[in-house]
Amino acid sequence: MIVSEDSRAQWNEFVASCTHGDVLQCWEWGELKAGTGWEPLHFATCEQGEFAALALVLKRRIPRTRRSLLYCPRGPIWHADHPDALPILLAEIGQAAAQHGAIMLKMDPAIAADDEQAIAQLGRAGALPGPEAAAGFGGTQPRAVMKVDLSPDEDALLASFHSKWRYNIRYAARKGVRVTSECRREDMDAFYDLLQITAARDGFRVRSRSYFHDMWDRLVSRDMGTLLMAYVDDVPVAGALIFVLGEQSWYVYGASANEHRKLMPNHLIQWEAMRWAKSRGCTSYDMRGVSPEVNGEPVVEALSGLNRFKKGFGARYVEYTPDWEIVFSRPWHFAFRHLAPIAQRFLARGREEPED
């Protein structure tokens, strides 16, 4: 069934209660993505008046066609002890696919790669591994992440860090780095400026400034996250955007200035972010994407420093199952997967050719 906004609180509670629940399946995430060209659709199955399985599905139109793509970020969500709910849920989405002109549904649930029970349930429900599975690693969301167990008390948690990391945290505090989680909406501008500096330094692209203001309005202002900022002499030098849902927390975005990096503000801000999450009752701190590892070694050499940084906080490596798909139109799916990329490369080459 399609769920109305009246069930927002119940929806979020169910996502939070599930082992593989994720903030990207909360109601507010759909509202955020609605501002970027996606249409959020909310599907659920119920048993005795309670949710048994649900999926926030994002719909995007394929330009110049009547077709669309469906994407379920970090979903669907279901309890393993209610396996019958999942095929019903996916069947409902399949029935709605024709109405929306959908050619496929892509899913990337936060299910561990060794969770054989959940993976088998996805397969029996009609989902198939996506092409990313054959390619090895990758997908829309990070397939490899690092997670910190926040269950121990603060002293024990700090003691679990690498000794150099503990030193850096104390060093930053001694050298006058100040971290606060008491930020306001306008502080998002200072964070965004730092993010642009970080993107230029590390070679990645960032979304618009308005997108981060929307994240504040949709999530942070509703007590589902916080912005932490680190200062040296009242000058912002680092920032971290954290989301929370139930007992889980996620380090979603981080940024730092080119100056004062030797004062180790990134180490201190991570520690303060974990302390803040613990104060909210969180038992898990997801540091998000890293390079996939084989035998404990990063596959992507350029990201080895990132893996090392996050491991220094006692984080454990977690690898998720590859993306999954349900295809509703095989001809259109073939065109999207095989012909569209060729056309895009051809057009790109054409734009690069010199004019007469």
Protein backbone atom coordinates (compact mmCIF):
# COMPACT_ATOMS: atom_id res chain seq x y z
CA MET A 1 0.00 0.00 0.00
CA ILE A 2 1.01 3.64 -0.47
CA VAL A 3 1.63 5.34 2.87
CA SER A 4 0.55 8.90 3.68
CA GLU A 5 2.49 11.50 5.65
CA ASP A 6 0.27 10.84 8.67
CA SER A 7 2.42 7.75 9.27
CA ARG A 8 5.74 9.65 9.31
CA ALA A 9 6.54 8.90 12.98
CA GLN A 10 5.51 5.25 12.72
CA TRP A 11 7.53 4.93 9.51
CA ASN A 12 10.72 6.29 11.08
CA GLU A 13 10.26 4.14 14.18
CA PHE A 14 10.08 1.01 12.04
CA VAL A 15 13.21 1.96 10.08
CA ALA A 16 15.06 2.61 13.34
CA SER A 17 13.96 -0.73 14.80
CA CYS A 18 15.32 -2.82 11.92
CA THR A 19 18.79 -4.36 12.00
CA HIS A 20 19.65 -2.88 8.61
CA GLY A 21 17.62 0.30 9.03
CA ASP A 22 19.27 3.41 7.61
CA VAL A 23 18.64 7.14 7.73
CA LEU A 24 18.37 7.16 3.92
CA GLN A 25 15.06 5.34 4.36
CA CYS A 26 13.57 7.87 6.78
CA TRP A 27 10.64 10.01 5.70
CA GLU A 28 12.69 13.19 5.79
CA TRP A 29 15.23 11.83 3.31
CA GLY A 30 12.49 11.56 0.72
CA GLU A 31 11.55 15.18 1.35
CA LEU A 32 15.17 16.23 0.92
CA LYS A 33 15.55 14.39 -2.39
CA ALA A 34 12.29 15.87 -3.66
CA GLY A 35 14.20 19.13 -3.95
CA THR A 36 16.74 17.55 -6.31
CA GLY A 37 14.43 16.17 -8.98
CA TRP A 38 13.35 12.89 -7.35
CA GLU A 39 9.76 12.03 -6.47
CA PRO A 40 9.49 10.12 -3.17
CA LEU A 41 7.08 7.16 -3.07
CA HIS A 42 6.33 5.33 0.17
CA PHE A 43 5.38 1.64 0.01
CA ALA A 44 4.60 -0.63 2.94
CA THR A 45 2.98 -3.90 3.94
CA CYS A 46 1.27 -4.32 7.28
CA GLU A 47 0.44 -7.14 9.64
CA GLN A 48 -2.17 -6.58 12.34
CA GLY A 49 -2.05 -2.84 11.82
CA GLU A 50 1.76 -2.60 12.12
CA PHE A 51 4.42 -2.20 9.44
CA ALA A 52 5.99 -5.48 8.40
CA ALA A 53 8.13 -4.14 5.53
CA LEU A 54 8.55 -0.78 3.84
CA ALA A 55 10.51 1.02 1.16
CA LEU A 56 11.15 4.67 0.43
CA VAL A 57 11.43 4.61 -3.37
CA LEU A 58 12.76 7.59 -5.30
CA LYS A 59 11.47 8.08 -8.83
CA ARG A 60 13.26 10.04 -11.54
CA ARG A 61 12.01 10.63 -15.07
CA ILE A 62 14.27 9.66 -17.97
CA PRO A 63 14.54 12.82 -20.11
CA ARG A 64 12.54 12.94 -23.35
CA THR A 65 10.71 9.70 -22.56
CA ARG A 66 7.67 8.60 -20.60
CA ARG A 67 9.83 6.22 -18.65
CA SER A 68 11.37 6.48 -15.21
CA LEU A 69 13.88 4.86 -12.87
CA LEU A 70 13.06 3.73 -9.34
CA TYR A 71 15.73 3.73 -6.66
CA CYS A 72 15.40 2.48 -3.07
CA PRO A 73 18.40 3.94 -1.17
CA ARG A 74 19.60 1.63 1.62
CA GLY A 75 16.35 -0.28 1.43
CA PRO A 76 13.96 -2.04 1.46
CA ILE A 77 13.49 -2.44 5.21
CA TRP A 78 12.07 -5.58 6.76
CA HIS A 79 12.57 -7.79 9.80
CA ALA A 80 14.18 -11.15 9.07
CA ASP A 81 11.57 -12.89 11.25
CA HIS A 82 8.84 -11.64 8.84
CA PRO A 83 10.23 -12.99 5.54
CA ASP A 84 6.80 -13.21 3.88
CA ALA A 85 6.43 -9.41 4.04
CA LEU A 86 9.29 -8.70 1.63
CA PRO A 87 7.91 -10.44 -1.52
CA ILE A 88 4.53 -8.81 -0.89
CA LEU A 89 6.21 -5.40 -0.66
CA LEU A 90 8.23 -5.88 -3.85
CA ALA A 91 5.16 -7.18 -5.67
CA GLU A 92 3.28 -4.00 -4.72
CA ILE A 93 6.11 -1.89 -6.08
CA GLY A 94 6.05 -3.98 -9.26
CA GLN A 95 2.33 -3.38 -9.68
CA ALA A 96 2.87 0.37 -9.36
CA ALA A 97 5.79 0.32 -11.81
CA ALA A 98 3.55 0.30 -14.88
CA GLN A 99 1.67 3.37 -13.63
CA HIS A 100 4.97 5.23 -13.24
CA GLY A 101 6.53 3.97 -16.47
CA ALA A 102 9.37 2.44 -14.48
CA ILE A 103 11.91 0.32 -16.31
CA MET A 104 13.67 -0.99 -13.18
CA LEU A 105 13.96 -0.80 -9.41
CA LYS A 106 17.45 -0.48 -7.98
CA MET A 107 18.08 -1.34 -4.29
CA ASP A 108 21.15 -1.20 -2.06
CA PRO A 109 20.08 -2.31 1.44
CA ALA A 110 22.61 -2.03 4.27
CA ILE A 111 22.82 -5.81 4.54
CA ALA A 112 26.19 -7.32 5.41
CA ALA A 113 27.74 -9.38 2.62
CA ASP A 114 27.83 -12.42 4.93
CA ASP A 115 24.15 -12.15 6.00
CA GLU A 116 23.07 -15.25 4.11
CA GLN A 117 19.54 -15.24 5.52
CA ALA A 118 18.66 -11.71 4.36
CA ILE A 119 20.38 -12.20 0.99
CA ALA A 120 18.42 -15.42 0.39
CA GLN A 121 15.18 -13.61 1.26
CA LEU A 122 15.93 -10.92 -1.33
CA GLY A 123 16.55 -13.58 -3.96
CA ARG A 124 13.36 -15.48 -3.15
CA ALA A 125 11.42 -12.19 -3.37
CA GLY A 126 12.46 -11.81 -7.03
CA ALA A 127 15.44 -9.46 -6.77
CA LEU A 128 18.59 -10.15 -8.77
CA PRO A 129 22.15 -8.91 -8.15
CA GLY A 130 22.88 -5.81 -10.22
CA PRO A 131 25.77 -5.46 -12.68
CA GLU A 132 27.91 -3.89 -9.93
CA ALA A 133 28.06 -7.33 -8.30
CA ALA A 134 29.89 -8.82 -11.27
CA ALA A 135 32.18 -5.80 -11.48
CA GLY A 136 33.38 -6.37 -7.93
CA PHE A 137 32.84 -3.33 -5.76
CA GLY A 138 30.92 -0.09 -6.02
CA GLY A 139 27.39 1.18 -6.44
CA THR A 140 25.39 4.30 -5.66
CA GLN A 141 26.02 4.07 -1.91
CA PRO A 142 29.33 2.98 -0.37
CA ARG A 143 29.59 -0.78 -0.31
CA ALA A 144 32.44 -0.70 2.21
CA VAL A 145 32.13 1.33 5.42
CA MET A 146 33.75 1.62 8.85
CA LYS A 147 31.66 1.45 12.03
CA VAL A 148 32.55 2.31 15.62
CA ASP A 149 30.83 0.53 18.51
CA LEU A 150 29.71 3.27 20.90
CA SER A 151 28.46 0.85 23.58
CA PRO A 152 31.49 1.17 25.93
CA ASP A 153 31.74 4.11 28.32
CA GLU A 154 33.77 7.10 27.16
CA ASP A 155 36.99 6.03 28.88
CA ALA A 156 36.83 2.54 27.37
CA LEU A 157 35.87 3.92 23.97
CA LEU A 158 38.81 6.31 23.95
CA ALA A 159 41.12 3.52 25.12
CA SER A 160 40.07 1.47 22.07
CA PHE A 161 41.58 4.08 19.72
CA HIS A 162 45.10 3.78 18.38
CA SER A 163 47.53 5.44 20.79
CA LYS A 164 48.54 8.03 18.18
CA TRP A 165 44.89 8.93 17.69
CA ARG A 166 44.42 9.44 21.44
CA TYR A 167 47.52 11.64 21.46
CA ASN A 168 46.23 13.70 18.51
CA ILE A 169 42.87 14.26 20.22
CA ARG A 170 44.55 15.55 23.38
CA TYR A 171 47.09 17.52 21.37
CA ALA A 172 44.35 19.37 19.48
CA ALA A 173 42.62 20.29 22.72
CA ARG A 174 45.90 21.49 24.28
CA LYS A 175 46.67 23.64 21.24
CA GLY A 176 43.37 25.47 21.53
CA VAL A 177 41.16 23.70 19.00
CA ARG A 178 37.58 24.22 20.16
CA VAL A 179 34.70 22.02 18.94
CA THR A 180 31.04 22.86 19.36
CA SER A 181 27.82 21.07 18.41
CA GLU A 182 25.76 24.17 19.26
CA CYS A 183 25.56 25.33 15.67
CA ARG A 184 22.88 27.35 13.94
CA ARG A 185 21.56 27.24 10.40
CA GLU A 186 23.83 30.07 9.31
CA ASP A 187 26.86 28.05 10.42
CA MET A 188 26.12 25.75 7.49
CA ASP A 189 27.57 28.45 5.25
CA ALA A 190 30.93 28.28 7.03
CA PHE A 191 30.82 24.50 6.79
CA TYR A 192 30.03 24.66 3.09
CA ASP A 193 32.97 27.00 2.49
CA LEU A 194 35.24 24.44 4.18
CA LEU A 195 33.67 21.68 2.09
CA GLN A 196 34.52 23.51 -1.12
CA ILE A 197 38.12 23.84 0.06
CA THR A 198 38.20 20.13 0.84
CA ALA A 199 36.69 19.24 -2.54
CA ALA A 200 39.29 21.31 -4.39
CA ARG A 201 42.09 19.71 -2.37
CA ASP A 202 40.89 16.11 -2.71
CA GLY A 203 39.38 16.29 -6.19
CA PHE A 204 35.66 15.64 -5.73
CA ARG A 205 32.47 17.56 -6.48
CA VAL A 206 29.99 18.91 -3.95
CA ARG A 207 26.30 19.65 -4.17
CA SER A 208 24.89 23.16 -4.09
CA ARG A 209 24.88 25.31 -0.97
CA SER A 210 21.07 25.20 -0.93
CA TYR A 211 21.18 21.39 -0.66
CA PHE A 212 23.01 21.67 2.65
CA HIS A 213 20.56 24.26 3.90
CA ASP A 214 17.79 21.81 2.98
CA MET A 215 19.54 19.08 4.98
CA TRP A 216 19.46 21.39 7.97
CA ASP A 217 15.76 22.15 7.48
CA ARG A 218 14.70 18.54 6.80
CA LEU A 219 16.89 16.67 9.29
CA VAL A 220 19.00 18.73 11.69
CA SER A 221 16.18 21.09 12.66
CA ARG A 222 14.00 18.04 13.40
CA ASP A 223 16.55 16.69 15.89
CA MET A 224 17.79 14.03 13.47
CA GLY A 225 21.34 15.29 13.28
CA THR A 226 23.81 17.99 14.16
CA LEU A 227 26.59 20.08 12.70
CA LEU A 228 29.85 20.18 14.62
CA MET A 229 32.42 22.89 13.91
CA ALA A 230 36.04 23.14 15.07
CA TYR A 231 37.65 26.55 15.59
CA VAL A 232 41.12 27.95 16.16
CA ASP A 233 40.96 31.51 17.50
CA ASP A 234 37.31 31.70 16.34
CA VAL A 235 38.28 30.77 12.78
CA PRO A 236 36.48 27.65 11.47
CA VAL A 237 39.00 24.94 10.56
CA ALA A 238 36.91 21.75 10.36
CA GLY A 239 33.31 20.56 10.35
CA ALA A 240 31.30 17.35 10.50
CA LEU A 241 27.66 16.73 9.65
CA ILE A 242 26.12 13.85 11.62
CA PHE A 243 22.71 12.16 11.24
CA VAL A 244 20.96 10.02 13.84
CA LEU A 245 18.04 7.61 13.78
CA GLY A 246 17.25 5.40 16.75
CA GLU A 247 20.48 3.93 18.12
CA GLN A 248 22.45 4.56 14.93
CA SER A 249 24.46 7.59 13.85
CA TRP A 250 26.20 8.43 10.56
CA TYR A 251 29.12 10.70 9.76
CA VAL A 252 27.78 11.95 6.44
CA TYR A 253 29.98 14.90 5.47
CA GLY A 254 33.32 16.20 6.72
CA ALA A 255 35.38 19.23 5.75
CA SER A 256 38.58 20.98 6.79
CA ALA A 257 40.62 24.06 5.97
CA ASN A 258 44.10 23.98 4.49
CA GLU A 259 45.41 25.90 7.50
CA HIS A 260 45.98 24.48 11.00
CA ARG A 261 45.78 20.87 9.85
CA LYS A 262 48.83 20.07 11.97
CA LEU A 263 46.76 20.90 15.05
CA MET A 264 44.72 17.73 14.37
CA PRO A 265 41.22 19.27 14.38
CA ASN A 266 39.83 16.31 12.40
CA HIS A 267 40.78 13.87 15.16
CA LEU A 268 39.19 16.01 17.86
CA ILE A 269 35.99 16.67 15.90
CA GLN A 270 35.49 12.94 15.31
CA TRP A 271 35.85 12.24 19.01
CA GLU A 272 33.38 15.00 19.88
CA ALA A 273 30.96 13.68 17.26
CA MET A 274 31.08 10.24 18.87
CA ARG A 275 30.54 11.76 22.31
CA TRP A 276 27.56 13.68 20.98
CA ALA A 277 26.09 10.53 19.38
CA LYS A 278 26.58 8.62 22.65
CA SER A 279 24.72 11.37 24.50
CA ARG A 280 21.81 10.73 22.13
CA GLY A 281 21.74 7.06 23.09
CA CYS A 282 23.46 5.82 19.92
CA THR A 283 25.40 2.57 20.06
CA SER A 284 26.77 2.73 16.50
CA TYR A 285 28.73 5.43 14.67
CA ASP A 286 28.97 4.81 10.93
CA MET A 287 31.98 6.60 9.45
CA ARG A 288 30.69 5.76 5.96
CA GLY A 289 32.64 4.92 2.85
CA VAL A 290 36.17 3.56 2.59
CA SER A 291 38.10 1.56 0.05
CA PRO A 292 37.05 -2.09 -0.14
CA GLU A 293 39.59 -4.38 1.48
CA VAL A 294 40.97 -7.80 0.62
CA ASN A 295 42.75 -9.61 3.43
CA GLY A 296 42.66 -6.41 5.46
CA GLU A 297 44.38 -4.30 2.79
CA PRO A 298 42.65 -1.49 0.82
CA VAL A 299 42.02 -2.26 -2.84
CA VAL A 300 42.10 1.42 -3.87
CA GLU A 301 45.56 2.69 -3.00
CA ALA A 302 44.46 6.34 -3.17
CA LEU A 303 41.99 5.69 -0.33
CA SER A 304 44.36 3.78 1.93
CA GLY A 305 44.87 6.86 4.11
CA LEU A 306 41.12 7.15 4.58
CA ASN A 307 40.89 3.53 5.74
CA ARG A 308 43.81 4.05 8.10
CA PHE A 309 42.31 7.24 9.56
CA LYS A 310 38.98 5.59 10.33
CA LYS A 311 40.53 2.38 11.65
CA GLY A 312 42.52 4.48 14.10
CA PHE A 313 39.24 5.17 15.93
CA GLY A 314 38.72 1.46 16.53
CA ALA A 315 36.27 1.22 13.64
CA ARG A 316 35.55 -2.20 12.16
CA TYR A 317 35.35 -2.84 8.44
CA VAL A 318 31.88 -3.73 7.15
CA GLU A 319 31.12 -4.80 3.59
CA TYR A 320 27.56 -4.77 2.27
CA THR A 321 25.94 -6.95 -0.35
CA PRO A 322 26.10 -5.50 -3.90
CA ASP A 323 23.20 -3.61 -5.45
CA TRP A 324 20.03 -5.49 -6.37
CA GLU A 325 17.57 -4.95 -9.22
CA ILE A 326 14.11 -5.84 -10.37
CA VAL A 327 13.61 -5.26 -14.09
CA PHE A 328 10.16 -4.24 -15.32
CA SER A 329 10.98 -3.61 -19.02
CA ARG A 330 13.83 -5.62 -20.49
CA PRO A 331 14.16 -3.63 -23.76
CA TRP A 332 14.31 -0.32 -21.91
CA HIS A 333 16.60 -1.79 -19.27
CA PHE A 334 19.00 -2.98 -21.99
CA ALA A 335 18.93 0.45 -23.64
CA PHE A 336 19.58 2.19 -20.33
CA ARG A 337 22.40 -0.11 -19.30
CA HIS A 338 24.15 -0.53 -22.66
CA LEU A 339 23.12 2.08 -25.20
CA ALA A 340 22.74 5.19 -23.07
CA PRO A 341 26.35 5.16 -21.80
CA ILE A 342 27.61 4.78 -25.38
CA ALA A 343 25.50 7.73 -26.52
CA GLN A 344 26.73 9.85 -23.60
CA ARG A 345 30.38 9.10 -24.43
CA PHE A 346 29.74 9.90 -28.12
CA LEU A 347 28.15 13.25 -27.24
CA ALA A 348 30.98 14.03 -24.84
CA ARG A 349 33.56 13.40 -27.58
CA GLY A 350 31.58 15.61 -29.93
CA ARG A 351 31.64 18.49 -27.48
CA GLU A 352 35.42 18.14 -27.15
CA GLU A 353 36.09 18.36 -30.91
CA PRO A 354 37.34 21.77 -32.14
CA GLU A 355 35.00 23.86 -34.20
CA ASP A 356 35.78 24.72 -37.84
